[in-house]
Amino acid sequence: MPYLLLLLFGIGNGKVADMLIDRKPFGLTLTMTRKIMNTVGHWGPALAILGLAFTGCNPTMSVVWLCIAVMLNGAAISGFQVVTVHVSDIDNHGITLFFIQ
């Protein structure tokens, strides 16, 4: 379940990132959009894990917090993990970097 949520949130978050960049006339820059997505993708799961720590012995809430933490990590895909794809536009070594990663 957590990875299904990660997949769906990652796809939806990619669309949101594209809309933030393409919004006229005040669209965000590519760098600012990546910073926002990285912030959500790294701090969101950290806060969700803190929520998980305070659930006590409730197994349902533990699973919910864990699913939220994994799901929010999908925002990082629109942040730093697309850098190697953009490097491949610059030179021919981007694909090699992508597979080494």
C-alpha atoms as a PDB file:
ATOM      1  CA  MET A   1       0.000   0.000   0.000  1.00  0.00           C
ATOM      2  CA  PRO A   2       2.699   2.587   0.811  1.00  0.00           C
ATOM      3  CA  TYR A   3       4.426   2.141  -2.538  1.00  0.00           C
ATOM      4  CA  LEU A   4       1.171   2.366  -4.447  1.00  0.00           C
ATOM      5  CA  LEU A   5       0.584   5.710  -2.730  1.00  0.00           C
ATOM      6  CA  LEU A   6       4.176   6.688  -3.574  1.00  0.00           C
ATOM      7  CA  LEU A   7       3.534   5.933  -7.239  1.00  0.00           C
ATOM      8  CA  LEU A   8       0.270   7.858  -7.404  1.00  0.00           C
ATOM      9  CA  PHE A   9       1.605  10.828  -5.422  1.00  0.00           C
ATOM     10  CA  GLY A  10       4.786  10.919  -7.516  1.00  0.00           C
ATOM     11  CA  ILE A  11       2.824  11.055 -10.758  1.00  0.00           C
ATOM     12  CA  GLY A  12       0.433  13.697  -9.426  1.00  0.00           C
ATOM     13  CA  ASN A  13       3.268  15.689  -7.954  1.00  0.00           C
ATOM     14  CA  GLY A  14       5.058  15.709 -11.305  1.00  0.00           C
ATOM     15  CA  LYS A  15       1.976  17.264 -12.869  1.00  0.00           C
ATOM     16  CA  VAL A  16       1.853  19.874 -10.094  1.00  0.00           C
ATOM     17  CA  ALA A  17       5.538  20.677 -10.620  1.00  0.00           C
ATOM     18  CA  ASP A  18       4.941  21.162 -14.348  1.00  0.00           C
ATOM     19  CA  MET A  19       1.990  23.441 -13.626  1.00  0.00           C
ATOM     20  CA  LEU A  20       4.102  25.530 -11.233  1.00  0.00           C
ATOM     21  CA  ILE A  21       6.735  26.013 -13.924  1.00  0.00           C
ATOM     22  CA  ASP A  22       4.334  26.660 -16.819  1.00  0.00           C
ATOM     23  CA  ARG A  23       1.960  28.991 -14.960  1.00  0.00           C
ATOM     24  CA  LYS A  24       1.744  32.308 -16.779  1.00  0.00           C
ATOM     25  CA  PRO A  25       2.781  35.071 -16.198  1.00  0.00           C
ATOM     26  CA  PHE A  26       4.322  34.263 -12.797  1.00  0.00           C
ATOM     27  CA  GLY A  27       5.588  30.719 -13.202  1.00  0.00           C
ATOM     28  CA  LEU A  28       8.298  29.492 -10.865  1.00  0.00           C
ATOM     29  CA  THR A  29      11.786  28.785 -12.081  1.00  0.00           C
ATOM     30  CA  LEU A  30      12.978  25.221 -12.450  1.00  0.00           C
ATOM     31  CA  THR A  31      15.346  25.644  -9.509  1.00  0.00           C
ATOM     32  CA  MET A  32      12.659  27.022  -7.192  1.00  0.00           C
ATOM     33  CA  THR A  33      10.247  24.238  -8.143  1.00  0.00           C
ATOM     34  CA  ARG A  34      12.884  21.602  -7.402  1.00  0.00           C
ATOM     35  CA  LYS A  35      13.608  23.217  -4.031  1.00  0.00           C
ATOM     36  CA  ILE A  36       9.918  23.163  -3.113  1.00  0.00           C
ATOM     37  CA  MET A  37       9.548  19.528  -4.171  1.00  0.00           C
ATOM     38  CA  ASN A  38      12.688  18.526  -2.264  1.00  0.00           C
ATOM     39  CA  THR A  39      11.394  20.280   0.838  1.00  0.00           C
ATOM     40  CA  VAL A  40       8.080  18.421   0.681  1.00  0.00           C
ATOM     41  CA  GLY A  41       9.825  15.170  -0.257  1.00  0.00           C
ATOM     42  CA  HIS A  42      12.275  15.225   2.644  1.00  0.00           C
ATOM     43  CA  TRP A  43      10.665  17.191   5.480  1.00  0.00           C
ATOM     44  CA  GLY A  44       7.216  15.688   4.915  1.00  0.00           C
ATOM     45  CA  PRO A  45       8.317  12.108   5.640  1.00  0.00           C
ATOM     46  CA  ALA A  46      10.412  13.320   8.571  1.00  0.00           C
ATOM     47  CA  LEU A  47       7.336  14.916  10.157  1.00  0.00           C
ATOM     48  CA  ALA A  48       5.264  11.833   9.391  1.00  0.00           C
ATOM     49  CA  ILE A  49       7.839   9.615  11.116  1.00  0.00           C
ATOM     50  CA  LEU A  50       7.600  11.932  14.139  1.00  0.00           C
ATOM     51  CA  GLY A  51       3.837  11.395  14.049  1.00  0.00           C
ATOM     52  CA  LEU A  52       4.494   7.661  13.891  1.00  0.00           C
ATOM     53  CA  ALA A  53       6.611   7.892  17.029  1.00  0.00           C
ATOM     54  CA  PHE A  54       3.682   9.321  18.999  1.00  0.00           C
ATOM     55  CA  THR A  55       0.998   6.833  17.949  1.00  0.00           C
ATOM     56  CA  GLY A  56       1.679   4.525  20.862  1.00  0.00           C
ATOM     57  CA  CYS A  57       0.468   0.973  20.369  1.00  0.00           C
ATOM     58  CA  ASN A  58      -2.238   1.747  17.820  1.00  0.00           C
ATOM     59  CA  PRO A  59      -1.384  -0.442  14.797  1.00  0.00           C
ATOM     60  CA  THR A  60      -3.864   1.247  12.450  1.00  0.00           C
ATOM     61  CA  MET A  61      -2.451   4.712  13.035  1.00  0.00           C
ATOM     62  CA  SER A  62       1.078   3.333  12.740  1.00  0.00           C
ATOM     63  CA  VAL A  63       0.300   2.011   9.275  1.00  0.00           C
ATOM     64  CA  VAL A  64      -1.398   5.278   8.303  1.00  0.00           C
ATOM     65  CA  TRP A  65       1.617   7.378   9.385  1.00  0.00           C
ATOM     66  CA  LEU A  66       4.017   5.029   7.611  1.00  0.00           C
ATOM     67  CA  CYS A  67       1.963   5.209   4.406  1.00  0.00           C
ATOM     68  CA  ILE A  68       1.938   9.014   4.622  1.00  0.00           C
ATOM     69  CA  ALA A  69       5.724   9.081   5.125  1.00  0.00           C
ATOM     70  CA  VAL A  70       6.413   6.884   2.098  1.00  0.00           C
ATOM     71  CA  MET A  71       3.842   8.734  -0.013  1.00  0.00           C
ATOM     72  CA  LEU A  72       5.336  12.167   0.706  1.00  0.00           C
ATOM     73  CA  ASN A  73       8.735  10.868  -0.328  1.00  0.00           C
ATOM     74  CA  GLY A  74       7.344  10.796  -3.882  1.00  0.00           C
ATOM     75  CA  ALA A  75       7.748  14.567  -4.048  1.00  0.00           C
ATOM     76  CA  ALA A  76      11.519  14.110  -4.098  1.00  0.00           C
ATOM     77  CA  ILE A  77      11.202  12.441  -7.491  1.00  0.00           C
ATOM     78  CA  SER A  78      10.199  15.810  -8.940  1.00  0.00           C
ATOM     79  CA  GLY A  79      13.147  17.379  -7.140  1.00  0.00           C
ATOM     80  CA  PHE A  80      16.631  15.952  -7.204  1.00  0.00           C
ATOM     81  CA  GLN A  81      15.981  12.665  -9.007  1.00  0.00           C
ATOM     82  CA  VAL A  82      15.192  14.359 -12.326  1.00  0.00           C
ATOM     83  CA  VAL A  83      18.571  16.123 -12.448  1.00  0.00           C
ATOM     84  CA  THR A  84      20.246  13.262 -14.326  1.00  0.00           C
ATOM     85  CA  VAL A  85      17.528  13.391 -16.967  1.00  0.00           C
ATOM     86  CA  HIS A  86      18.235  17.092 -17.497  1.00  0.00           C
ATOM     87  CA  VAL A  87      21.973  16.406 -17.652  1.00  0.00           C
ATOM     88  CA  SER A  88      21.318  14.028 -20.541  1.00  0.00           C
ATOM     89  CA  ASP A  89      20.020  17.028 -22.500  1.00  0.00           C
ATOM     90  CA  ILE A  90      23.376  18.762 -22.012  1.00  0.00           C
ATOM     91  CA  ASP A  91      25.801  15.990 -22.901  1.00  0.00           C
ATOM     92  CA  ASN A  92      25.843  12.302 -23.736  1.00  0.00           C
ATOM     93  CA  HIS A  93      26.842  11.139 -20.247  1.00  0.00           C
ATOM     94  CA  GLY A  94      23.479  11.715 -18.553  1.00  0.00           C
ATOM     95  CA  ILE A  95      22.192   8.216 -19.268  1.00  0.00           C
ATOM     96  CA  THR A  96      25.352   6.692 -17.783  1.00  0.00           C
ATOM     97  CA  LEU A  97      24.933   8.825 -14.656  1.00  0.00           C
ATOM     98  CA  PHE A  98      21.300   7.751 -14.415  1.00  0.00           C
ATOM     99  CA  PHE A  99      22.218   4.056 -14.352  1.00  0.00           C
ATOM    100  CA  ILE A 100      25.095   4.533 -11.913  1.00  0.00           C
ATOM    101  CA  GLN A 101      22.765   6.316  -9.520  1.00  0.00           C
END
